[in-house]
Amino acid sequence: QVQLMESGGGSVQAGGSLRLSCQFSGIPLRLNGMRWYRQAPGRKREMVAAITTGGSSDYADFVEGRFTVSRDNAKDMVYLQMNNLKFEDAAVYYCATVHNSGWIWGQGTQVTVSG
């Protein structure tokens, strides 16, 4: 059974950086494309970044070159490096993947951005 566990969230000042991690388990990570989503209070969950099994990446428009998604298949880890964080980036961040035709989600990690 595929399981995901995020870590690395925390509180950071505007303009600062955080690196989120997602531990993938159950099957080899190399078999799955991965996504990062986020959800702020009162807002819908939105996709932040995606990375394919081949390592190609895609980002939401609001990222504007500030975030980088990466994967380490040997460690079964997916990362989201976030730089130049803005107040509007504050949210719970989730990693997610599709397995057996269904979405699998982690428990999320909170990112807080202060001034």
Protein backbone atom coordinates (compact mmCIF):
# COMPACT_ATOMS: atom_id res chain seq x y z
CA GLN A 1 0.00 0.00 0.00
CA VAL A 2 1.38 3.38 -1.01
CA GLN A 3 1.88 5.85 1.83
CA LEU A 4 3.16 9.41 1.82
CA MET A 5 4.55 11.46 4.68
CA GLU A 6 5.49 15.12 4.41
CA SER A 7 7.93 16.99 6.60
CA GLY A 8 9.88 20.23 6.60
CA GLY A 9 7.15 22.76 7.15
CA GLY A 10 7.48 25.53 9.68
CA SER A 11 7.41 29.26 10.22
CA VAL A 12 9.54 31.52 8.07
CA GLN A 13 9.76 35.23 7.42
CA ALA A 14 8.65 36.61 4.09
CA GLY A 15 11.51 36.27 1.62
CA GLY A 16 12.84 33.19 3.38
CA SER A 17 13.14 29.59 2.25
CA LEU A 18 11.90 26.15 3.23
CA ARG A 19 12.50 22.70 1.86
CA LEU A 20 9.61 20.28 2.10
CA SER A 21 10.17 16.55 1.92
CA CYS A 22 7.83 13.70 1.07
CA GLN A 23 8.70 10.15 2.05
CA PHE A 24 7.13 7.66 -0.37
CA SER A 25 6.65 4.05 0.67
CA GLY A 26 4.88 0.89 -0.45
CA ILE A 27 6.22 0.55 -3.98
CA PRO A 28 9.32 2.01 -5.67
CA LEU A 29 8.97 5.76 -6.13
CA ARG A 30 10.40 5.49 -9.65
CA LEU A 31 7.06 4.04 -10.79
CA ASN A 32 5.03 7.14 -9.90
CA GLY A 33 4.62 10.71 -10.94
CA MET A 34 4.26 13.01 -7.94
CA ARG A 35 2.57 16.30 -7.15
CA TRP A 36 2.64 18.93 -4.45
CA TYR A 37 -0.60 20.65 -3.51
CA ARG A 38 -1.46 23.27 -0.93
CA GLN A 39 -4.56 24.44 0.87
CA ALA A 40 -4.95 27.68 2.76
CA PRO A 41 -7.83 28.29 5.20
CA GLY A 42 -11.06 28.99 3.34
CA ARG A 43 -9.55 28.18 -0.04
CA LYS A 44 -9.63 25.20 -2.36
CA ARG A 45 -6.72 22.83 -2.57
CA GLU A 46 -4.49 23.85 -5.48
CA MET A 47 -1.65 22.20 -7.32
CA VAL A 48 1.77 23.70 -6.73
CA ALA A 49 4.16 21.49 -8.68
CA ALA A 50 4.36 18.17 -10.45
CA ILE A 51 7.21 15.89 -11.42
CA THR A 52 6.99 12.94 -13.78
CA THR A 53 8.69 9.57 -13.49
CA GLY A 54 11.26 10.89 -15.96
CA GLY A 55 11.97 13.99 -13.90
CA SER A 56 10.11 16.57 -15.99
CA SER A 57 8.48 19.23 -13.86
CA ASP A 58 5.60 21.64 -14.10
CA TYR A 59 4.50 24.48 -11.86
CA ALA A 60 1.48 26.58 -11.10
CA ASP A 61 1.65 30.13 -12.44
CA PHE A 62 1.87 31.62 -8.96
CA VAL A 63 5.20 29.86 -8.35
CA GLU A 64 6.91 32.36 -10.69
CA GLY A 65 10.24 30.52 -10.60
CA ARG A 66 10.53 30.52 -6.81
CA PHE A 67 9.98 26.78 -6.19
CA THR A 68 11.77 23.69 -7.42
CA VAL A 69 10.41 20.14 -7.27
CA SER A 70 12.83 17.23 -7.35
CA ARG A 71 12.95 13.53 -6.64
CA ASP A 72 15.48 11.01 -5.39
CA ASN A 73 14.27 7.59 -6.46
CA ALA A 74 17.09 5.84 -4.59
CA LYS A 75 15.79 7.33 -1.33
CA ASP A 76 12.09 7.26 -2.29
CA MET A 77 11.95 10.97 -1.54
CA VAL A 78 10.34 13.94 -3.26
CA TYR A 79 11.27 17.51 -2.40
CA LEU A 80 9.88 20.99 -2.83
CA GLN A 81 12.44 23.75 -2.42
CA MET A 82 10.61 27.02 -1.81
CA ASN A 83 12.49 30.32 -2.00
CA ASN A 84 11.40 33.93 -1.65
CA LEU A 85 8.29 32.88 0.26
CA LYS A 86 5.38 35.29 0.29
CA PHE A 87 2.55 35.76 2.77
CA GLU A 88 0.17 34.13 0.30
CA ASP A 89 2.27 30.94 0.29
CA ALA A 90 1.12 30.14 3.82
CA ALA A 91 -0.87 26.90 3.68
CA VAL A 92 -0.82 23.21 4.46
CA TYR A 93 1.28 21.51 1.80
CA TYR A 94 0.54 17.97 0.67
CA CYS A 95 2.32 15.53 -1.57
CA ALA A 96 0.12 13.28 -3.65
CA THR A 97 0.20 10.54 -6.25
CA VAL A 98 -2.14 8.31 -8.19
CA HIS A 99 -2.09 4.63 -7.35
CA ASN A 100 -4.56 1.95 -8.47
CA SER A 101 -6.68 4.68 -10.12
CA GLY A 102 -7.07 6.61 -6.89
CA TRP A 103 -5.35 9.60 -5.30
CA ILE A 104 -3.10 8.99 -2.32
CA TRP A 105 -2.37 11.95 -0.02
CA GLY A 106 -0.01 12.59 2.83
CA GLN A 107 -1.12 14.17 6.09
CA GLY A 108 0.27 17.56 5.11
CA THR A 109 2.84 19.92 6.58
CA GLN A 110 2.07 23.47 7.67
CA VAL A 111 3.92 26.44 6.19
CA THR A 112 3.54 29.78 7.95
CA VAL A 113 4.93 33.01 6.51
CA SER A 114 5.31 36.06 8.72
CA GLY A 115 6.47 39.59 8.22
